[in-house]
Amino acid sequence: MRQASIARKTAETDISVSIDLDGSGSYDNQTGVGFFDHMLDQLARHALIDMKVHCAGDTHIDDHHTVEDVGIALGQALAQAMGDKRGIRRYGSCLLPMDDALVRAALDLSGRPFLAWDVPMTAPAIKTFDTELVREFFQAFSTHGGITLHVDGLRGINSHHIAEAAFKAVARALRDALDTDPRKADAIPSTKGML
């Protein structure tokens, strides 16, 4: 069973995360940051990961700690749920259009965290959500999930569309990478014998 639950409590946030990598994309995300919840819903739905994220954070200061710490906890949960990564395809990519936005994501569940991010936003905020936090989430998620992740915004006018396309593109790439390879269902996808 590729499932994990993480509890993470600091002076800034109190987070519980549970995921099932073999789910149907159901979600219950409540972070106190409406736009971020909407993005997490997209991540769950399009990766087909059942996801429950509850966070009580210091949003009276700003949304930064909530978004970053949820990224940390989700990355930790992903790493735990993958186990030794036996049978996964390992790599995934997606070129995702959303209206005016076009975003490309490519990833490797290598255990070697790296984020290459080139996603220009056209506005500093989406309502009250700081658009810089989209990158902050993926930095934390890739670092703690052990993911090599490249995300490129190829075009876009509307920042909501750009951000949502980024989450959906990563979700679809993640879905492909986490899928079981029917030709190598019992093998670890590396010549090293481990990831």
C-alpha atoms as a PDB file:
ATOM      1  CA  MET A   1       0.000   0.000   0.000  1.00  0.00           C
ATOM      2  CA  ARG A   2       1.567   3.240  -1.156  1.00  0.00           C
ATOM      3  CA  GLN A   3       0.156   5.426   1.583  1.00  0.00           C
ATOM      4  CA  ALA A   4       1.648   7.808   4.124  1.00  0.00           C
ATOM      5  CA  SER A   5       0.616  10.181   6.870  1.00  0.00           C
ATOM      6  CA  ILE A   6       2.760  13.019   8.179  1.00  0.00           C
ATOM      7  CA  ALA A   7       2.212  15.323  11.147  1.00  0.00           C
ATOM      8  CA  ARG A   8       4.417  18.415  11.341  1.00  0.00           C
ATOM      9  CA  LYS A   9       4.143  21.053  14.043  1.00  0.00           C
ATOM     10  CA  THR A  10       6.288  24.162  14.435  1.00  0.00           C
ATOM     11  CA  ALA A  11       5.800  27.540  16.070  1.00  0.00           C
ATOM     12  CA  GLU A  12       4.397  28.734  12.715  1.00  0.00           C
ATOM     13  CA  THR A  13       2.266  25.848  11.421  1.00  0.00           C
ATOM     14  CA  ASP A  14       0.467  22.703  12.576  1.00  0.00           C
ATOM     15  CA  ILE A  15       0.025  20.342   9.628  1.00  0.00           C
ATOM     16  CA  SER A  16      -1.413  16.892   9.036  1.00  0.00           C
ATOM     17  CA  VAL A  17      -1.079  15.245   5.631  1.00  0.00           C
ATOM     18  CA  SER A  18      -2.287  11.874   4.403  1.00  0.00           C
ATOM     19  CA  ILE A  19      -1.903  10.585   0.857  1.00  0.00           C
ATOM     20  CA  ASP A  20      -2.642   7.454  -1.149  1.00  0.00           C
ATOM     21  CA  LEU A  21      -0.640   7.224  -4.369  1.00  0.00           C
ATOM     22  CA  ASP A  22      -3.055   4.650  -5.794  1.00  0.00           C
ATOM     23  CA  GLY A  23      -6.167   6.716  -5.222  1.00  0.00           C
ATOM     24  CA  SER A  24      -8.740   8.291  -7.482  1.00  0.00           C
ATOM     25  CA  GLY A  25      -7.786  11.933  -6.933  1.00  0.00           C
ATOM     26  CA  SER A  26     -10.137  12.647  -4.042  1.00  0.00           C
ATOM     27  CA  TYR A  27      -9.144  15.513  -1.781  1.00  0.00           C
ATOM     28  CA  ASP A  28      -9.861  17.375   1.437  1.00  0.00           C
ATOM     29  CA  ASN A  29      -7.456  20.312   1.581  1.00  0.00           C
ATOM     30  CA  GLN A  30      -7.944  22.990   4.224  1.00  0.00           C
ATOM     31  CA  THR A  31      -4.997  25.286   4.781  1.00  0.00           C
ATOM     32  CA  GLY A  32      -6.730  28.582   5.476  1.00  0.00           C
ATOM     33  CA  VAL A  33      -5.427  29.901   2.131  1.00  0.00           C
ATOM     34  CA  GLY A  34      -8.225  29.623  -0.417  1.00  0.00           C
ATOM     35  CA  PHE A  35      -6.233  29.844  -3.632  1.00  0.00           C
ATOM     36  CA  PHE A  36      -3.628  27.399  -2.315  1.00  0.00           C
ATOM     37  CA  ASP A  37      -6.374  24.912  -1.397  1.00  0.00           C
ATOM     38  CA  HIS A  38      -7.618  25.191  -4.981  1.00  0.00           C
ATOM     39  CA  MET A  39      -4.104  24.412  -6.278  1.00  0.00           C
ATOM     40  CA  LEU A  40      -3.707  21.425  -3.944  1.00  0.00           C
ATOM     41  CA  ASP A  41      -7.077  20.151  -5.169  1.00  0.00           C
ATOM     42  CA  GLN A  42      -5.715  20.313  -8.729  1.00  0.00           C
ATOM     43  CA  LEU A  43      -2.555  18.470  -7.710  1.00  0.00           C
ATOM     44  CA  ALA A  44      -4.562  15.643  -6.139  1.00  0.00           C
ATOM     45  CA  ARG A  45      -7.135  15.389  -8.909  1.00  0.00           C
ATOM     46  CA  HIS A  46      -4.728  15.335 -11.829  1.00  0.00           C
ATOM     47  CA  ALA A  47      -2.089  13.125 -10.189  1.00  0.00           C
ATOM     48  CA  LEU A  48      -4.838  10.701  -9.047  1.00  0.00           C
ATOM     49  CA  ILE A  49      -3.457  10.925  -5.518  1.00  0.00           C
ATOM     50  CA  ASP A  50      -5.976  10.858  -2.691  1.00  0.00           C
ATOM     51  CA  MET A  51      -4.898  13.764  -0.515  1.00  0.00           C
ATOM     52  CA  LYS A  52      -5.930  15.246   2.795  1.00  0.00           C
ATOM     53  CA  VAL A  53      -4.055  18.336   3.977  1.00  0.00           C
ATOM     54  CA  HIS A  54      -5.095  20.278   7.061  1.00  0.00           C
ATOM     55  CA  CYS A  55      -3.012  23.203   8.243  1.00  0.00           C
ATOM     56  CA  ALA A  56      -3.403  25.815  10.945  1.00  0.00           C
ATOM     57  CA  GLY A  57      -0.814  28.452  10.146  1.00  0.00           C
ATOM     58  CA  ASP A  58       0.173  32.005  11.014  1.00  0.00           C
ATOM     59  CA  THR A  59      -1.707  33.470   8.057  1.00  0.00           C
ATOM     60  CA  HIS A  60      -2.260  36.654  10.078  1.00  0.00           C
ATOM     61  CA  ILE A  61       1.402  37.347   9.213  1.00  0.00           C
ATOM     62  CA  ASP A  62       1.211  36.101   5.616  1.00  0.00           C
ATOM     63  CA  ASP A  63       0.735  32.848   3.691  1.00  0.00           C
ATOM     64  CA  HIS A  64       4.420  32.014   3.281  1.00  0.00           C
ATOM     65  CA  HIS A  65       4.920  29.631   6.210  1.00  0.00           C
ATOM     66  CA  THR A  66       1.714  27.750   5.437  1.00  0.00           C
ATOM     67  CA  VAL A  67       2.546  27.232   1.766  1.00  0.00           C
ATOM     68  CA  GLU A  68       6.198  26.302   2.333  1.00  0.00           C
ATOM     69  CA  ASP A  69       5.531  23.982   5.277  1.00  0.00           C
ATOM     70  CA  VAL A  70       2.733  22.182   3.435  1.00  0.00           C
ATOM     71  CA  GLY A  71       5.230  21.644   0.602  1.00  0.00           C
ATOM     72  CA  ILE A  72       7.688  20.150   3.095  1.00  0.00           C
ATOM     73  CA  ALA A  73       5.074  17.830   4.625  1.00  0.00           C
ATOM     74  CA  LEU A  74       3.677  16.731   1.253  1.00  0.00           C
ATOM     75  CA  GLY A  75       7.176  16.016  -0.030  1.00  0.00           C
ATOM     76  CA  GLN A  76       7.940  13.939   3.075  1.00  0.00           C
ATOM     77  CA  ALA A  77       4.668  12.042   2.650  1.00  0.00           C
ATOM     78  CA  LEU A  78       5.418  11.354  -1.014  1.00  0.00           C
ATOM     79  CA  ALA A  79       8.907  10.032  -0.222  1.00  0.00           C
ATOM     80  CA  GLN A  80       7.501   7.791   2.520  1.00  0.00           C
ATOM     81  CA  ALA A  81       4.642   6.474   0.372  1.00  0.00           C
ATOM     82  CA  MET A  82       6.969   5.582  -2.531  1.00  0.00           C
ATOM     83  CA  GLY A  83       9.086   3.350  -0.299  1.00  0.00           C
ATOM     84  CA  ASP A  84      11.952   1.852  -2.302  1.00  0.00           C
ATOM     85  CA  LYS A  85      10.226   2.927  -5.559  1.00  0.00           C
ATOM     86  CA  ARG A  86      10.060  -0.608  -6.855  1.00  0.00           C
ATOM     87  CA  GLY A  87       8.049  -0.858 -10.082  1.00  0.00           C
ATOM     88  CA  ILE A  88       7.525   2.857 -10.739  1.00  0.00           C
ATOM     89  CA  ARG A  89       8.158   4.412 -14.132  1.00  0.00           C
ATOM     90  CA  ARG A  90      10.288   7.059 -12.363  1.00  0.00           C
ATOM     91  CA  TYR A  91      10.115   9.743 -15.073  1.00  0.00           C
ATOM     92  CA  GLY A  92       7.177  11.888 -16.113  1.00  0.00           C
ATOM     93  CA  SER A  93       6.521  14.959 -18.184  1.00  0.00           C
ATOM     94  CA  CYS A  94       3.603  17.049 -19.354  1.00  0.00           C
ATOM     95  CA  LEU A  95       3.016  19.965 -21.692  1.00  0.00           C
ATOM     96  CA  LEU A  96      -0.162  21.494 -20.313  1.00  0.00           C
ATOM     97  CA  PRO A  97      -2.293  24.217 -21.927  1.00  0.00           C
ATOM     98  CA  MET A  98      -4.782  26.193 -19.889  1.00  0.00           C
ATOM     99  CA  ASP A  99      -6.395  28.932 -21.936  1.00  0.00           C
ATOM    100  CA  ASP A 100      -3.634  31.523 -22.490  1.00  0.00           C
ATOM    101  CA  ALA A 101      -1.094  29.627 -20.378  1.00  0.00           C
ATOM    102  CA  LEU A 102       1.229  26.841 -21.513  1.00  0.00           C
ATOM    103  CA  VAL A 103       3.454  25.165 -18.927  1.00  0.00           C
ATOM    104  CA  ARG A 104       5.912  22.295 -19.302  1.00  0.00           C
ATOM    105  CA  ALA A 105       6.885  20.063 -16.380  1.00  0.00           C
ATOM    106  CA  ALA A 106       9.405  17.231 -16.391  1.00  0.00           C
ATOM    107  CA  LEU A 107      10.457  15.254 -13.330  1.00  0.00           C
ATOM    108  CA  ASP A 108      12.529  12.356 -12.095  1.00  0.00           C
ATOM    109  CA  LEU A 109      11.719  10.622  -8.807  1.00  0.00           C
ATOM    110  CA  SER A 110      15.442  10.105  -8.379  1.00  0.00           C
ATOM    111  CA  GLY A 111      15.900  10.889  -4.698  1.00  0.00           C
ATOM    112  CA  ARG A 112      18.130  13.774  -5.803  1.00  0.00           C
ATOM    113  CA  PRO A 113      16.239  17.011  -5.170  1.00  0.00           C
ATOM    114  CA  PHE A 114      16.627  19.826  -7.662  1.00  0.00           C
ATOM    115  CA  LEU A 115      14.259  22.515  -8.854  1.00  0.00           C
ATOM    116  CA  ALA A 116      14.697  24.386 -12.131  1.00  0.00           C
ATOM    117  CA  TRP A 117      11.944  27.019 -12.233  1.00  0.00           C
ATOM    118  CA  ASP A 118      11.296  29.443 -15.056  1.00  0.00           C
ATOM    119  CA  VAL A 119       7.649  30.408 -14.721  1.00  0.00           C
ATOM    120  CA  PRO A 120       7.139  34.156 -15.105  1.00  0.00           C
ATOM    121  CA  MET A 121       4.039  35.478 -13.397  1.00  0.00           C
ATOM    122  CA  THR A 122       2.301  38.495 -14.855  1.00  0.00           C
ATOM    123  CA  ALA A 123       0.973  39.846 -11.541  1.00  0.00           C
ATOM    124  CA  PRO A 124       2.425  39.964  -8.015  1.00  0.00           C
ATOM    125  CA  ALA A 125      -0.741  38.521  -6.468  1.00  0.00           C
ATOM    126  CA  ILE A 126      -3.822  36.468  -7.275  1.00  0.00           C
ATOM    127  CA  LYS A 127      -6.372  38.192  -5.053  1.00  0.00           C
ATOM    128  CA  THR A 128      -4.329  38.132  -1.805  1.00  0.00           C
ATOM    129  CA  PHE A 129      -2.115  35.161  -2.738  1.00  0.00           C
ATOM    130  CA  ASP A 130       1.518  36.134  -3.422  1.00  0.00           C
ATOM    131  CA  THR A 131       2.468  34.534  -6.763  1.00  0.00           C
ATOM    132  CA  GLU A 132       6.064  34.036  -5.512  1.00  0.00           C
ATOM    133  CA  LEU A 133       4.668  31.322  -3.247  1.00  0.00           C
ATOM    134  CA  VAL A 134       3.997  28.995  -6.178  1.00  0.00           C
ATOM    135  CA  ARG A 135       7.740  28.536  -6.571  1.00  0.00           C
ATOM    136  CA  GLU A 136       8.209  28.304  -2.800  1.00  0.00           C
ATOM    137  CA  PHE A 137       5.767  25.392  -2.648  1.00  0.00           C
ATOM    138  CA  PHE A 138       7.500  23.465  -5.421  1.00  0.00           C
ATOM    139  CA  GLN A 139      10.937  24.159  -3.936  1.00  0.00           C
ATOM    140  CA  ALA A 140       9.873  22.628  -0.623  1.00  0.00           C
ATOM    141  CA  PHE A 141       7.959  19.770  -2.286  1.00  0.00           C
ATOM    142  CA  SER A 142      10.820  18.782  -4.597  1.00  0.00           C
ATOM    143  CA  THR A 143      13.458  19.070  -1.862  1.00  0.00           C
ATOM    144  CA  HIS A 144      11.624  16.929   0.667  1.00  0.00           C
ATOM    145  CA  GLY A 145      10.171  14.547  -1.921  1.00  0.00           C
ATOM    146  CA  GLY A 146      13.578  13.902  -3.490  1.00  0.00           C
ATOM    147  CA  ILE A 147      12.375  15.058  -6.898  1.00  0.00           C
ATOM    148  CA  THR A 148      14.370  16.487  -9.774  1.00  0.00           C
ATOM    149  CA  LEU A 149      11.780  18.915 -11.128  1.00  0.00           C
ATOM    150  CA  HIS A 150      11.918  21.268 -14.107  1.00  0.00           C
ATOM    151  CA  VAL A 151       8.988  23.630 -14.695  1.00  0.00           C
ATOM    152  CA  ASP A 152       8.879  26.163 -17.540  1.00  0.00           C
ATOM    153  CA  GLY A 153       6.161  28.689 -18.268  1.00  0.00           C
ATOM    154  CA  LEU A 154       6.224  28.898 -22.047  1.00  0.00           C
ATOM    155  CA  ARG A 155       3.518  31.541 -22.343  1.00  0.00           C
ATOM    156  CA  GLY A 156       0.695  33.102 -20.392  1.00  0.00           C
ATOM    157  CA  ILE A 157      -1.196  36.297 -19.724  1.00  0.00           C
ATOM    158  CA  ASN A 158      -3.248  35.534 -16.624  1.00  0.00           C
ATOM    159  CA  SER A 159      -1.358  34.604 -13.431  1.00  0.00           C
ATOM    160  CA  HIS A 160      -4.196  32.414 -12.153  1.00  0.00           C
ATOM    161  CA  HIS A 161      -4.013  30.379 -15.360  1.00  0.00           C
ATOM    162  CA  ILE A 162      -0.204  30.214 -15.227  1.00  0.00           C
ATOM    163  CA  ALA A 163      -0.151  29.019 -11.604  1.00  0.00           C
ATOM    164  CA  GLU A 164      -2.916  26.489 -12.168  1.00  0.00           C
ATOM    165  CA  ALA A 165      -1.255  25.173 -15.318  1.00  0.00           C
ATOM    166  CA  ALA A 166       1.958  24.684 -13.317  1.00  0.00           C
ATOM    167  CA  PHE A 167       0.199  22.641 -10.632  1.00  0.00           C
ATOM    168  CA  LYS A 168      -1.675  20.580 -13.222  1.00  0.00           C
ATOM    169  CA  ALA A 169       1.445  19.973 -15.326  1.00  0.00           C
ATOM    170  CA  VAL A 170       3.407  18.753 -12.302  1.00  0.00           C
ATOM    171  CA  ALA A 171       0.435  16.605 -11.271  1.00  0.00           C
ATOM    172  CA  ARG A 172       0.222  14.897 -14.665  1.00  0.00           C
ATOM    173  CA  ALA A 173       3.985  14.343 -14.767  1.00  0.00           C
ATOM    174  CA  LEU A 174       3.843  12.922 -11.240  1.00  0.00           C
ATOM    175  CA  ARG A 175       0.997  10.604 -12.225  1.00  0.00           C
ATOM    176  CA  ASP A 176       3.079   9.179 -15.086  1.00  0.00           C
ATOM    177  CA  ALA A 177       6.198   8.793 -12.941  1.00  0.00           C
ATOM    178  CA  LEU A 178       4.337   7.052 -10.104  1.00  0.00           C
ATOM    179  CA  ASP A 179       2.523   4.602 -12.383  1.00  0.00           C
ATOM    180  CA  THR A 180       3.634   0.988 -12.233  1.00  0.00           C
ATOM    181  CA  ASP A 181       5.649  -0.182 -15.211  1.00  0.00           C
ATOM    182  CA  PRO A 182       3.974  -3.459 -16.247  1.00  0.00           C
ATOM    183  CA  ARG A 183       7.219  -4.693 -17.825  1.00  0.00           C
ATOM    184  CA  LYS A 184       9.262  -4.065 -14.664  1.00  0.00           C
ATOM    185  CA  ALA A 185       6.748  -4.181 -11.819  1.00  0.00           C
ATOM    186  CA  ASP A 186       9.224  -5.777  -9.398  1.00  0.00           C
ATOM    187  CA  ALA A 187      12.318  -3.804 -10.371  1.00  0.00           C
ATOM    188  CA  ILE A 188      13.815  -0.603  -9.069  1.00  0.00           C
ATOM    189  CA  PRO A 189      14.194   1.692 -12.119  1.00  0.00           C
ATOM    190  CA  SER A 190      17.925   2.308 -11.819  1.00  0.00           C
ATOM    191  CA  THR A 191      21.101   0.489 -12.857  1.00  0.00           C
ATOM    192  CA  LYS A 192      22.374   1.283  -9.346  1.00  0.00           C
ATOM    193  CA  GLY A 193      19.746  -1.030  -7.850  1.00  0.00           C
ATOM    194  CA  MET A 194      18.375   1.711  -5.610  1.00  0.00           C
ATOM    195  CA  LEU A 195      16.960   5.219  -5.785  1.00  0.00           C
END
